[in-house]
Protein backbone atom coordinates (compact mmCIF):
# COMPACT_ATOMS: atom_id res chain seq x y z
CA MET A 1 0.00 0.00 0.00
CA LYS A 2 1.29 3.47 -0.91
CA TYR A 3 0.55 6.73 0.85
CA GLU A 4 0.87 10.14 -0.69
CA VAL A 5 2.47 12.90 1.30
CA HIS A 6 0.80 16.24 0.64
CA ASP A 7 2.39 19.61 1.22
CA MET A 8 0.93 21.66 4.02
CA ALA A 9 -1.40 24.43 2.95
CA GLY A 10 0.41 27.00 5.08
CA LYS A 11 3.97 28.14 5.57
CA TYR A 12 6.03 29.29 8.47
CA LEU A 13 6.95 32.96 8.32
CA LYS A 14 9.63 34.86 10.20
CA VAL A 15 7.91 38.09 11.20
CA GLN A 16 9.56 41.19 12.65
CA CYS A 17 7.62 43.26 15.16
CA LYS A 18 7.86 47.05 15.31
CA CYS A 19 9.93 46.60 18.50
CA GLY A 20 12.56 44.74 16.43
CA ASN A 21 11.90 41.25 17.81
CA GLU A 22 11.67 38.44 15.21
CA GLN A 23 9.39 35.47 15.69
CA VAL A 24 8.20 32.49 13.62
CA VAL A 25 4.45 32.42 12.89
CA PHE A 26 2.32 29.91 10.95
CA SER A 27 0.61 31.57 7.97
CA HIS A 28 -2.75 29.96 8.77
CA THR A 29 -2.74 30.48 12.53
CA THR A 30 -5.96 29.75 14.41
CA SER A 31 -5.24 32.00 17.38
CA VAL A 32 -3.80 35.45 18.01
CA VAL A 33 0.02 35.41 18.09
CA LYS A 34 1.62 38.10 20.25
CA CYS A 35 5.19 39.35 20.16
CA SER A 36 7.26 37.69 22.88
CA GLY A 37 9.02 41.01 23.47
CA CYS A 38 6.38 43.73 23.67
CA LYS A 39 3.15 41.62 23.62
CA GLU A 40 1.70 43.45 20.59
CA PRO A 41 -0.25 41.17 18.20
CA LEU A 42 1.85 39.84 15.29
CA ALA A 43 -0.89 37.84 13.59
CA HIS A 44 -4.55 36.95 14.00
CA PRO A 45 -6.77 34.40 12.25
CA SER A 46 -9.14 35.44 9.49
CA GLY A 47 -10.79 32.20 8.38
CA GLY A 48 -7.88 31.27 6.11
CA THR A 49 -4.59 33.02 5.75
CA ALA A 50 -3.72 34.97 8.91
CA VAL A 51 -3.52 38.75 8.95
CA ILE A 52 0.12 39.62 9.69
CA HIS A 53 0.76 42.86 11.61
CA GLY A 54 4.55 42.86 11.34
CA LYS A 55 7.06 42.77 8.52
CA ILE A 56 7.55 39.34 6.88
CA VAL A 57 11.33 38.87 6.90
CA GLU A 58 11.53 35.34 5.47
CA GLU A 59 9.42 32.34 4.39
CA LEU A 60 10.61 29.15 6.03
CA GLY A 61 10.15 25.69 4.43
């Protein structure tokens, strides 16, 4: 029996907050992600792709 491996729908993003802190966030997050430095929201869910409030620095695998 063979199984197919499908790519994930989302990606991991390195996001920079306005305070300068960088953090990895899933592009389809289901909860609010806050900056670990200043506690400002970095991303929130929107029924699909998350709304990102920081600067996307890099897309990770």
